């Protein structure tokens, strides 16, 4: 049996680091202890890092999907701080499965030398957590690796990224709704 020097599980991404690419640091988690649903992306895209805002790319469907799920259709048009307040009000937490990495551009496939976020620590701070919704395949893989037995469902949902154009906004919204509606309902 292999032993690890770190208490963190290894990242799914196995590309060797390219020293010519700057190491990027993700955004802080958005949550309060009342959160019932934790939404995890893989790592913020270039537009999100530049704006220091989750899902800042104008073609990313995250905010329209969340607005539909939360019954707040105008959510995407609100200032960023108000969008985060709406998530908290609806007991939704937000973070990414990768804390730092090297990457050129915004594609998950370009991620190198990834270091996972401390998902165990965040989950321990969410005593009312009912499910984890992973925004895309890589977020799902990393989450399963980091948490092992999460004691809550870990859902793999279609990415809201504009790079995942195979599904329409309406289809993405309905898939997300079917998967998370139960966990957003009142206790």
N, C-alpha and C. Protein backbone atom coordinates (compact mmCIF):
# COMPACT_ATOMS: atom_id res chain seq x y z
N UNK A 1 0.83 -1.18 0.00
CA UNK A 1 0.00 0.00 0.00
C UNK A 1 0.87 1.24 0.00
N UNK A 2 0.54 2.20 -0.87
CA UNK A 2 1.31 3.44 -0.95
C UNK A 2 0.93 4.36 0.19
N UNK A 3 1.90 5.07 0.71
CA UNK A 3 1.61 6.10 1.69
C UNK A 3 1.94 7.44 1.06
N UNK A 4 1.24 8.46 1.50
CA UNK A 4 1.45 9.81 0.96
C UNK A 4 2.04 10.68 2.04
N UNK A 5 2.93 11.57 1.62
CA UNK A 5 3.52 12.51 2.56
C UNK A 5 2.52 13.58 2.95
N UNK A 6 1.60 13.91 2.05
CA UNK A 6 0.62 14.96 2.30
C UNK A 6 -0.70 14.37 2.77
N UNK A 7 -1.43 15.14 3.57
CA UNK A 7 -2.76 14.70 3.97
C UNK A 7 -3.77 14.93 2.87
N UNK A 8 -3.41 15.72 1.86
CA UNK A 8 -4.28 15.97 0.73
C UNK A 8 -4.13 14.85 -0.30
N UNK A 9 -5.23 14.41 -0.89
CA UNK A 9 -5.13 13.41 -1.95
C UNK A 9 -4.51 14.03 -3.19
N UNK A 10 -3.92 13.22 -4.05
CA UNK A 10 -3.33 13.77 -5.26
C UNK A 10 -4.42 14.29 -6.19
N UNK A 11 -4.06 15.21 -7.04
CA UNK A 11 -5.00 15.73 -8.02
C UNK A 11 -5.19 14.71 -9.13
N UNK A 12 -6.33 14.77 -9.78
CA UNK A 12 -6.62 13.89 -10.91
C UNK A 12 -5.69 14.19 -12.06
N UNK A 13 -5.36 15.46 -12.24
CA UNK A 13 -4.58 15.90 -13.37
C UNK A 13 -3.13 15.49 -13.18
N UNK A 14 -2.56 14.79 -14.13
CA UNK A 14 -1.23 14.23 -13.96
C UNK A 14 -0.19 14.88 -14.84
N UNK A 15 -0.52 16.00 -15.51
CA UNK A 15 0.47 16.65 -16.36
C UNK A 15 1.61 17.18 -15.51
N UNK A 16 2.86 17.03 -15.99
CA UNK A 16 3.98 17.59 -15.23
C UNK A 16 3.96 19.12 -15.31
N UNK A 17 4.47 19.78 -14.29
CA UNK A 17 4.46 21.24 -14.30
C UNK A 17 5.35 21.81 -15.39
N UNK A 18 4.91 22.88 -16.00
CA UNK A 18 5.69 23.62 -16.97
C UNK A 18 6.16 24.89 -16.26
N UNK A 19 7.44 25.01 -15.96
CA UNK A 19 7.91 26.17 -15.19
C UNK A 19 7.71 27.49 -15.91
N UNK A 20 7.42 27.46 -17.21
CA UNK A 20 7.19 28.70 -17.95
C UNK A 20 5.77 29.23 -17.77
N UNK A 21 4.90 28.43 -17.16
CA UNK A 21 3.51 28.84 -16.96
C UNK A 21 3.34 29.26 -15.50
N UNK A 22 2.78 30.42 -15.30
CA UNK A 22 2.56 30.95 -13.95
C UNK A 22 1.61 30.08 -13.15
N UNK A 23 1.92 29.90 -11.85
CA UNK A 23 1.02 29.17 -10.95
C UNK A 23 -0.15 30.08 -10.62
N UNK A 24 -1.35 29.54 -10.79
CA UNK A 24 -2.58 30.28 -10.54
C UNK A 24 -3.20 29.83 -9.23
N UNK A 25 -3.83 30.75 -8.53
CA UNK A 25 -4.50 30.46 -7.26
C UNK A 25 -5.98 30.75 -7.46
N UNK A 26 -6.81 29.80 -7.05
CA UNK A 26 -8.25 29.93 -7.21
C UNK A 26 -8.87 30.93 -6.25
N UNK A 27 -10.17 30.97 -6.25
CA UNK A 27 -10.94 31.90 -5.42
C UNK A 27 -11.31 31.25 -4.09
N UNK A 28 -11.61 32.07 -3.12
CA UNK A 28 -12.02 31.58 -1.79
C UNK A 28 -13.42 30.97 -1.87
N UNK A 29 -13.72 30.03 -1.00
CA UNK A 29 -15.07 29.47 -1.00
C UNK A 29 -16.10 30.50 -0.56
N UNK A 30 -17.32 30.32 -1.06
CA UNK A 30 -18.46 31.16 -0.68
C UNK A 30 -19.43 30.24 0.04
N UNK A 31 -19.67 30.50 1.33
CA UNK A 31 -20.53 29.59 2.09
C UNK A 31 -20.90 30.20 3.43
N UNK A 32 -21.90 29.62 4.05
CA UNK A 32 -22.12 29.78 5.48
C UNK A 32 -22.53 28.42 6.00
N UNK A 33 -22.58 28.28 7.30
CA UNK A 33 -22.79 26.97 7.91
C UNK A 33 -24.17 26.39 7.63
N UNK A 34 -25.09 27.17 7.09
CA UNK A 34 -26.44 26.69 6.80
C UNK A 34 -26.55 26.03 5.43
N UNK A 35 -25.49 26.03 4.65
CA UNK A 35 -25.54 25.51 3.28
C UNK A 35 -25.99 24.05 3.24
N UNK A 36 -26.91 23.76 2.34
CA UNK A 36 -27.40 22.40 2.11
C UNK A 36 -26.79 21.80 0.84
N UNK A 37 -26.41 22.66 -0.10
CA UNK A 37 -25.85 22.22 -1.37
C UNK A 37 -24.52 22.91 -1.59
N UNK A 38 -23.50 22.14 -1.91
CA UNK A 38 -22.18 22.67 -2.26
C UNK A 38 -21.98 22.44 -3.75
N UNK A 39 -21.77 23.52 -4.50
CA UNK A 39 -21.49 23.43 -5.93
C UNK A 39 -19.99 23.60 -6.10
N UNK A 40 -19.38 22.62 -6.76
CA UNK A 40 -17.93 22.65 -6.99
C UNK A 40 -17.63 22.66 -8.48
N UNK A 41 -16.86 23.65 -8.90
CA UNK A 41 -16.31 23.67 -10.24
C UNK A 41 -14.94 23.00 -10.20
N UNK A 42 -14.25 23.01 -11.32
CA UNK A 42 -12.90 22.45 -11.33
C UNK A 42 -11.90 23.52 -10.89
N UNK A 43 -11.78 24.61 -11.67
CA UNK A 43 -10.88 25.73 -11.36
C UNK A 43 -11.38 26.93 -12.16
N UNK A 44 -11.32 28.15 -11.60
CA UNK A 44 -11.84 29.31 -12.31
C UNK A 44 -11.14 29.53 -13.66
N UNK A 45 -11.93 29.93 -14.65
CA UNK A 45 -11.38 30.29 -15.94
C UNK A 45 -10.64 31.62 -15.87
N UNK A 46 -9.98 31.97 -16.96
CA UNK A 46 -9.20 33.21 -17.01
C UNK A 46 -10.05 34.44 -16.71
N UNK A 47 -11.26 34.52 -17.26
CA UNK A 47 -12.13 35.68 -17.01
C UNK A 47 -12.51 35.76 -15.54
N UNK A 48 -12.75 34.62 -14.90
CA UNK A 48 -13.11 34.61 -13.49
C UNK A 48 -11.94 35.03 -12.61
N UNK A 49 -10.75 34.54 -12.94
CA UNK A 49 -9.57 34.93 -12.16
C UNK A 49 -9.30 36.43 -12.31
N UNK A 50 -9.42 36.93 -13.53
CA UNK A 50 -9.18 38.35 -13.77
C UNK A 50 -10.19 39.22 -13.02
N UNK A 51 -11.45 38.82 -13.01
CA UNK A 51 -12.50 39.58 -12.33
C UNK A 51 -12.59 39.26 -10.84
N UNK A 52 -11.90 38.20 -10.40
CA UNK A 52 -12.02 37.69 -9.02
C UNK A 52 -13.47 37.40 -8.69
N UNK A 53 -14.17 36.75 -9.65
CA UNK A 53 -15.57 36.39 -9.50
C UNK A 53 -15.80 35.01 -10.09
N UNK A 54 -16.57 34.20 -9.40
CA UNK A 54 -16.94 32.90 -9.94
C UNK A 54 -17.80 33.07 -11.19
N UNK A 55 -17.51 32.27 -12.20
CA UNK A 55 -18.30 32.20 -13.43
C UNK A 55 -18.50 33.57 -14.07
N UNK A 56 -17.39 34.30 -14.27
CA UNK A 56 -17.43 35.65 -14.81
C UNK A 56 -17.54 35.69 -16.34
N UNK A 57 -17.20 34.60 -17.01
CA UNK A 57 -17.29 34.62 -18.48
C UNK A 57 -18.75 34.84 -18.87
N UNK A 58 -19.03 35.81 -19.74
CA UNK A 58 -20.43 36.13 -20.05
C UNK A 58 -21.21 35.00 -20.72
N UNK A 59 -20.52 34.04 -21.31
CA UNK A 59 -21.24 32.92 -21.94
C UNK A 59 -21.35 31.70 -21.04
N UNK A 60 -20.78 31.76 -19.84
CA UNK A 60 -20.93 30.64 -18.92
C UNK A 60 -22.37 30.63 -18.43
N UNK A 61 -22.99 29.47 -18.42
CA UNK A 61 -24.40 29.35 -18.09
C UNK A 61 -24.66 29.20 -16.58
N UNK A 62 -23.64 29.26 -15.75
CA UNK A 62 -23.84 29.02 -14.33
C UNK A 62 -24.90 29.95 -13.71
N UNK A 63 -24.75 31.25 -13.88
CA UNK A 63 -25.67 32.18 -13.23
C UNK A 63 -27.08 32.07 -13.79
N UNK A 64 -27.28 31.92 -15.12
CA UNK A 64 -28.65 31.68 -15.59
C UNK A 64 -29.25 30.37 -15.06
N UNK A 65 -28.45 29.32 -14.98
CA UNK A 65 -28.95 28.05 -14.43
C UNK A 65 -29.33 28.24 -12.97
N UNK A 66 -28.46 28.84 -12.18
CA UNK A 66 -28.77 29.03 -10.76
C UNK A 66 -29.98 29.94 -10.58
N UNK A 67 -30.09 30.98 -11.40
CA UNK A 67 -31.24 31.85 -11.32
C UNK A 67 -32.54 31.09 -11.54
N UNK A 68 -32.54 30.20 -12.52
CA UNK A 68 -33.73 29.39 -12.80
C UNK A 68 -34.01 28.43 -11.64
N UNK A 69 -32.97 27.79 -11.10
CA UNK A 69 -33.16 26.83 -10.02
C UNK A 69 -33.66 27.49 -8.73
N UNK A 70 -33.21 28.69 -8.49
CA UNK A 70 -33.54 29.39 -7.25
C UNK A 70 -34.79 30.25 -7.38
N UNK A 71 -35.38 30.29 -8.57
CA UNK A 71 -36.56 31.11 -8.78
C UNK A 71 -36.25 32.59 -8.81
N UNK A 72 -35.03 32.94 -9.21
CA UNK A 72 -34.60 34.33 -9.29
C UNK A 72 -34.04 34.57 -10.68
N UNK A 73 -34.93 34.73 -11.65
CA UNK A 73 -34.54 34.82 -13.06
C UNK A 73 -33.59 35.98 -13.34
N UNK A 74 -33.66 37.05 -12.55
CA UNK A 74 -32.79 38.21 -12.79
C UNK A 74 -31.41 38.05 -12.14
N UNK A 75 -31.14 36.91 -11.55
CA UNK A 75 -29.87 36.70 -10.86
C UNK A 75 -28.65 37.05 -11.72
N UNK A 76 -28.57 36.61 -12.98
CA UNK A 76 -27.37 36.93 -13.78
C UNK A 76 -27.13 38.42 -13.97
N UNK A 77 -28.16 39.24 -13.93
CA UNK A 77 -28.02 40.67 -14.16
C UNK A 77 -27.65 41.45 -12.90
N UNK A 78 -27.74 40.83 -11.76
CA UNK A 78 -27.45 41.52 -10.50
C UNK A 78 -25.94 41.70 -10.31
N UNK A 79 -25.56 42.68 -9.49
CA UNK A 79 -24.13 42.80 -9.14
C UNK A 79 -23.65 41.51 -8.48
N UNK A 80 -22.37 41.24 -8.63
CA UNK A 80 -21.79 39.98 -8.15
C UNK A 80 -22.08 39.73 -6.68
N UNK A 81 -21.89 40.73 -5.83
CA UNK A 81 -22.14 40.53 -4.39
C UNK A 81 -23.58 40.12 -4.12
N UNK A 82 -24.52 40.65 -4.87
CA UNK A 82 -25.92 40.26 -4.69
C UNK A 82 -26.17 38.82 -5.15
N UNK A 83 -25.45 38.39 -6.19
CA UNK A 83 -25.58 36.99 -6.62
C UNK A 83 -25.08 36.05 -5.52
N UNK A 84 -23.96 36.41 -4.91
CA UNK A 84 -23.43 35.58 -3.83
C UNK A 84 -24.38 35.57 -2.63
N UNK A 85 -24.97 36.70 -2.32
CA UNK A 85 -25.95 36.77 -1.23
C UNK A 85 -27.14 35.86 -1.52
N UNK A 86 -27.58 35.84 -2.78
CA UNK A 86 -28.71 34.97 -3.16
C UNK A 86 -28.35 33.51 -2.95
N UNK A 87 -27.12 33.12 -3.33
CA UNK A 87 -26.71 31.73 -3.10
C UNK A 87 -26.77 31.41 -1.61
N UNK A 88 -26.20 32.27 -0.79
CA UNK A 88 -26.22 32.02 0.66
C UNK A 88 -27.65 31.95 1.20
N UNK A 89 -28.49 32.86 0.73
CA UNK A 89 -29.89 32.89 1.19
C UNK A 89 -30.61 31.58 0.85
N UNK A 90 -30.25 31.00 -0.29
CA UNK A 90 -30.85 29.72 -0.70
C UNK A 90 -30.04 28.52 -0.22
N UNK A 91 -29.08 28.80 0.65
CA UNK A 91 -28.27 27.75 1.30
C UNK A 91 -27.44 26.95 0.31
N UNK A 92 -26.81 27.68 -0.61
CA UNK A 92 -25.92 27.09 -1.61
C UNK A 92 -24.51 27.63 -1.35
N UNK A 93 -23.56 26.73 -1.24
CA UNK A 93 -22.14 27.09 -1.11
C UNK A 93 -21.47 26.88 -2.46
N UNK A 94 -20.33 27.54 -2.66
CA UNK A 94 -19.66 27.52 -3.96
C UNK A 94 -18.15 27.50 -3.76
N UNK A 95 -17.49 26.63 -4.51
CA UNK A 95 -16.03 26.58 -4.48
C UNK A 95 -15.55 25.80 -5.69
N UNK A 96 -14.24 25.50 -5.72
CA UNK A 96 -13.64 24.70 -6.78
C UNK A 96 -12.85 23.55 -6.19
N UNK A 97 -12.78 22.46 -6.92
CA UNK A 97 -12.08 21.27 -6.46
C UNK A 97 -10.56 21.42 -6.51
N UNK A 98 -10.06 22.32 -7.33
CA UNK A 98 -8.62 22.56 -7.45
C UNK A 98 -8.30 23.92 -6.84
N UNK A 99 -7.32 23.96 -5.95
CA UNK A 99 -6.94 25.20 -5.27
C UNK A 99 -5.94 26.01 -6.08
N UNK A 100 -4.93 25.35 -6.62
CA UNK A 100 -3.90 26.02 -7.42
C UNK A 100 -3.49 25.10 -8.56
N UNK A 101 -3.00 25.70 -9.63
CA UNK A 101 -2.52 24.92 -10.76
C UNK A 101 -1.74 25.83 -11.70
N UNK A 102 -1.21 25.23 -12.71
CA UNK A 102 -0.64 25.96 -13.84
C UNK A 102 -1.56 25.69 -15.01
N UNK A 103 -1.87 26.75 -15.77
CA UNK A 103 -2.75 26.55 -16.91
C UNK A 103 -2.64 27.76 -17.83
N UNK A 104 -2.56 27.49 -19.11
CA UNK A 104 -2.68 28.54 -20.13
C UNK A 104 -4.12 28.49 -20.63
N UNK A 105 -4.78 29.63 -20.64
CA UNK A 105 -6.17 29.66 -21.10
C UNK A 105 -7.12 29.25 -19.99
N UNK A 106 -8.27 28.70 -20.41
CA UNK A 106 -9.32 28.40 -19.43
C UNK A 106 -9.78 26.95 -19.45
N UNK A 107 -9.28 26.14 -20.36
CA UNK A 107 -9.79 24.78 -20.48
C UNK A 107 -9.27 23.88 -19.36
N UNK A 108 -10.16 23.02 -18.87
CA UNK A 108 -9.75 22.04 -17.85
C UNK A 108 -8.65 21.13 -18.37
N UNK A 109 -8.68 20.83 -19.64
CA UNK A 109 -7.67 19.93 -20.22
C UNK A 109 -6.28 20.54 -20.21
N UNK A 110 -6.17 21.85 -20.00
CA UNK A 110 -4.87 22.52 -19.96
C UNK A 110 -4.31 22.62 -18.54
N UNK A 111 -5.03 22.12 -17.55
CA UNK A 111 -4.57 22.20 -16.17
C UNK A 111 -3.35 21.31 -15.96
N UNK A 112 -2.34 21.88 -15.33
CA UNK A 112 -1.11 21.15 -14.99
C UNK A 112 -0.80 21.38 -13.52
N UNK A 113 -0.09 20.43 -12.92
CA UNK A 113 0.41 20.57 -11.54
C UNK A 113 -0.67 21.06 -10.59
N UNK A 114 -1.82 20.44 -10.64
CA UNK A 114 -2.94 20.85 -9.80
C UNK A 114 -2.74 20.42 -8.35
N UNK A 115 -3.14 21.30 -7.45
CA UNK A 115 -3.19 20.98 -6.03
C UNK A 115 -4.65 21.07 -5.61
N UNK A 116 -5.18 20.03 -4.99
CA UNK A 116 -6.60 20.02 -4.65
C UNK A 116 -6.95 21.00 -3.53
N UNK A 117 -8.17 21.46 -3.57
CA UNK A 117 -8.71 22.26 -2.46
C UNK A 117 -8.94 21.34 -1.27
N UNK A 118 -8.97 21.92 -0.09
CA UNK A 118 -9.20 21.13 1.12
C UNK A 118 -10.71 20.94 1.30
N UNK A 119 -11.26 20.04 0.49
CA UNK A 119 -12.70 19.81 0.52
C UNK A 119 -13.16 19.18 1.82
N UNK A 120 -12.34 18.34 2.40
CA UNK A 120 -12.72 17.73 3.69
C UNK A 120 -12.94 18.80 4.76
N UNK A 121 -12.06 19.79 4.79
CA UNK A 121 -12.18 20.86 5.78
C UNK A 121 -13.46 21.66 5.55
N UNK A 122 -13.76 21.99 4.29
CA UNK A 122 -14.97 22.76 4.02
C UNK A 122 -16.22 21.94 4.35
N UNK A 123 -16.26 20.70 3.93
CA UNK A 123 -17.42 19.85 4.21
C UNK A 123 -17.64 19.73 5.72
N UNK A 124 -16.58 19.67 6.49
CA UNK A 124 -16.70 19.59 7.95
C UNK A 124 -17.34 20.86 8.53
N UNK A 125 -17.24 21.96 7.81
CA UNK A 125 -17.81 23.23 8.27
C UNK A 125 -19.25 23.43 7.79
N UNK A 126 -19.80 22.42 7.11
CA UNK A 126 -21.16 22.50 6.57
C UNK A 126 -22.02 21.39 7.19
N UNK A 127 -22.45 21.53 8.42
CA UNK A 127 -23.17 20.46 9.10
C UNK A 127 -24.54 20.13 8.49
N UNK A 128 -25.12 21.03 7.72
CA UNK A 128 -26.43 20.79 7.11
C UNK A 128 -26.33 20.35 5.65
N UNK A 129 -25.11 20.07 5.20
CA UNK A 129 -24.89 19.70 3.80
C UNK A 129 -25.67 18.44 3.44
N UNK A 130 -26.39 18.51 2.32
CA UNK A 130 -27.21 17.39 1.86
C UNK A 130 -26.68 16.78 0.57
N UNK A 131 -25.90 17.56 -0.23
CA UNK A 131 -25.37 17.05 -1.50
C UNK A 131 -24.28 17.97 -2.01
N UNK A 132 -23.45 17.39 -2.86
CA UNK A 132 -22.41 18.14 -3.56
C UNK A 132 -22.70 18.01 -5.05
N UNK A 133 -22.81 19.15 -5.72
CA UNK A 133 -23.07 19.18 -7.16
C UNK A 133 -21.79 19.59 -7.86
N UNK A 134 -21.27 18.71 -8.69
CA UNK A 134 -20.02 18.98 -9.41
C UNK A 134 -20.33 19.50 -10.80
N UNK A 135 -19.81 20.66 -11.09
CA UNK A 135 -20.03 21.34 -12.35
C UNK A 135 -19.03 20.81 -13.38
N UNK A 136 -19.32 19.64 -13.95
CA UNK A 136 -18.46 19.05 -14.96
C UNK A 136 -17.74 17.81 -14.48
N UNK A 137 -17.21 17.07 -15.44
CA UNK A 137 -16.58 15.78 -15.17
C UNK A 137 -15.30 15.89 -14.34
N UNK A 138 -14.46 16.86 -14.63
CA UNK A 138 -13.20 16.96 -13.89
C UNK A 138 -13.44 17.37 -12.44
N UNK A 139 -14.39 18.25 -12.21
CA UNK A 139 -14.73 18.61 -10.82
C UNK A 139 -15.22 17.37 -10.08
N UNK A 140 -16.02 16.55 -10.75
CA UNK A 140 -16.55 15.33 -10.14
C UNK A 140 -15.42 14.36 -9.80
N UNK A 141 -14.53 14.12 -10.73
CA UNK A 141 -13.41 13.19 -10.48
C UNK A 141 -12.55 13.67 -9.31
N UNK A 142 -12.23 14.96 -9.32
CA UNK A 142 -11.37 15.51 -8.26
C UNK A 142 -12.07 15.44 -6.91
N UNK A 143 -13.36 15.70 -6.89
CA UNK A 143 -14.13 15.67 -5.64
C UNK A 143 -14.16 14.25 -5.06
N UNK A 144 -14.42 13.28 -5.90
CA UNK A 144 -14.44 11.89 -5.42
C UNK A 144 -13.07 11.49 -4.88
N UNK A 145 -12.03 11.89 -5.56
CA UNK A 145 -10.68 11.58 -5.10
C UNK A 145 -10.37 12.25 -3.76
N UNK A 146 -10.79 13.51 -3.63
CA UNK A 146 -10.48 14.26 -2.42
C UNK A 146 -11.29 13.80 -1.22
N UNK A 147 -12.55 13.42 -1.46
CA UNK A 147 -13.43 13.11 -0.33
C UNK A 147 -13.60 11.63 -0.04
N UNK A 148 -13.41 10.78 -1.04
CA UNK A 148 -13.69 9.36 -0.81
C UNK A 148 -15.16 9.21 -0.46
N UNK A 149 -15.45 8.78 0.75
CA UNK A 149 -16.83 8.66 1.20
C UNK A 149 -17.25 10.00 1.79
N UNK A 150 -18.07 10.73 1.03
CA UNK A 150 -18.46 12.07 1.44
C UNK A 150 -19.65 12.08 2.40
N UNK A 151 -20.31 10.96 2.59
CA UNK A 151 -21.50 10.84 3.44
C UNK A 151 -22.68 11.64 2.92
N UNK A 152 -22.56 12.22 1.73
CA UNK A 152 -23.67 12.87 1.03
C UNK A 152 -23.51 12.53 -0.45
N UNK A 153 -24.59 12.61 -1.22
CA UNK A 153 -24.45 12.35 -2.66
C UNK A 153 -23.50 13.34 -3.32
N UNK A 154 -22.67 12.82 -4.22
CA UNK A 154 -21.78 13.65 -5.03
C UNK A 154 -22.26 13.50 -6.47
N UNK A 155 -22.88 14.56 -6.98
CA UNK A 155 -23.56 14.52 -8.26
C UNK A 155 -22.68 15.07 -9.38
N UNK A 156 -22.64 14.35 -10.48
CA UNK A 156 -21.92 14.82 -11.66
C UNK A 156 -22.93 15.48 -12.59
N UNK A 157 -22.76 16.79 -12.80
CA UNK A 157 -23.67 17.56 -13.63
C UNK A 157 -22.95 18.08 -14.86
N UNK A 158 -23.70 18.38 -15.92
CA UNK A 158 -23.05 18.90 -17.12
C UNK A 158 -22.42 20.27 -16.83
N UNK A 159 -21.26 20.47 -17.39
CA UNK A 159 -20.56 21.73 -17.20
C UNK A 159 -21.37 22.88 -17.76
N UNK A 160 -21.34 24.00 -17.05
CA UNK A 160 -21.99 25.22 -17.53
C UNK A 160 -21.05 26.04 -18.41
N UNK A 161 -19.84 25.56 -18.61
CA UNK A 161 -18.85 26.27 -19.41
C UNK A 161 -19.29 26.43 -20.86
N UNK A 162 -18.92 27.56 -21.49
CA UNK A 162 -19.21 27.70 -22.91
C UNK A 162 -18.47 26.67 -23.76
N UNK A 163 -17.41 26.07 -23.22
CA UNK A 163 -16.69 25.02 -23.95
C UNK A 163 -17.54 23.75 -24.05
N UNK A 164 -18.52 23.60 -23.18
CA UNK A 164 -19.41 22.44 -23.20
C UNK A 164 -20.70 22.86 -23.91
N UNK A 165 -20.58 23.04 -25.21
CA UNK A 165 -21.70 23.58 -26.00
C UNK A 165 -22.62 22.50 -26.54
N UNK A 166 -22.40 21.26 -26.21
CA UNK A 166 -23.22 20.17 -26.73
C UNK A 166 -24.64 20.17 -26.18
N UNK A 167 -24.87 20.86 -25.08
CA UNK A 167 -26.20 20.95 -24.49
C UNK A 167 -26.66 22.40 -24.49
N UNK A 168 -27.94 22.60 -24.76
CA UNK A 168 -28.50 23.95 -24.71
C UNK A 168 -28.62 24.41 -23.27
N UNK A 169 -28.83 25.71 -23.08
CA UNK A 169 -29.06 26.26 -21.74
C UNK A 169 -30.29 25.60 -21.12
N UNK A 170 -31.35 25.43 -21.90
CA UNK A 170 -32.57 24.82 -21.37
C UNK A 170 -32.31 23.39 -20.90
N UNK A 171 -31.55 22.64 -21.66
CA UNK A 171 -31.25 21.26 -21.27
C UNK A 171 -30.37 21.22 -20.03
N UNK A 172 -29.34 22.04 -20.00
CA UNK A 172 -28.48 22.10 -18.81
C UNK A 172 -29.31 22.44 -17.58
N UNK A 173 -30.18 23.43 -17.72
CA UNK A 173 -31.01 23.85 -16.60
C UNK A 173 -31.89 22.70 -16.10
N UNK A 174 -32.50 21.97 -17.01
CA UNK A 174 -33.39 20.87 -16.61
C UNK A 174 -32.61 19.72 -15.98
N UNK A 175 -31.42 19.42 -16.48
CA UNK A 175 -30.61 18.37 -15.88
C UNK A 175 -30.19 18.78 -14.47
N UNK A 176 -29.75 20.01 -14.31
CA UNK A 176 -29.38 20.51 -12.98
C UNK A 176 -30.60 20.49 -12.05
N UNK A 177 -31.75 20.95 -12.55
CA UNK A 177 -32.95 21.00 -11.72
C UNK A 177 -33.32 19.60 -11.23
N UNK A 178 -33.32 18.63 -12.14
CA UNK A 178 -33.69 17.25 -11.77
C UNK A 178 -32.72 16.71 -10.71
N UNK A 179 -31.45 17.08 -10.80
CA UNK A 179 -30.46 16.54 -9.89
C UNK A 179 -30.47 17.20 -8.52
N UNK A 180 -30.71 18.52 -8.45
CA UNK A 180 -30.51 19.23 -7.18
C UNK A 180 -31.78 19.74 -6.53
N UNK A 181 -32.90 19.68 -7.20
CA UNK A 181 -34.14 20.26 -6.66
C UNK A 181 -34.47 19.72 -5.26
N UNK A 182 -34.31 18.44 -5.07
CA UNK A 182 -34.57 17.83 -3.77
C UNK A 182 -33.72 18.44 -2.66
N UNK A 183 -32.47 18.76 -2.98
CA UNK A 183 -31.54 19.27 -1.98
C UNK A 183 -31.71 20.76 -1.71
N UNK A 184 -32.43 21.45 -2.60
CA UNK A 184 -32.70 22.87 -2.40
C UNK A 184 -34.01 23.11 -1.68
N UNK A 185 -34.84 22.08 -1.59
CA UNK A 185 -36.15 22.26 -0.97
C UNK A 185 -35.99 22.48 0.54
N UNK A 186 -37.02 23.05 1.13
CA UNK A 186 -36.99 23.35 2.56
C UNK A 186 -36.85 22.07 3.37
N UNK A 187 -36.26 22.21 4.54
CA UNK A 187 -36.07 21.06 5.43
C UNK A 187 -37.40 20.48 5.89
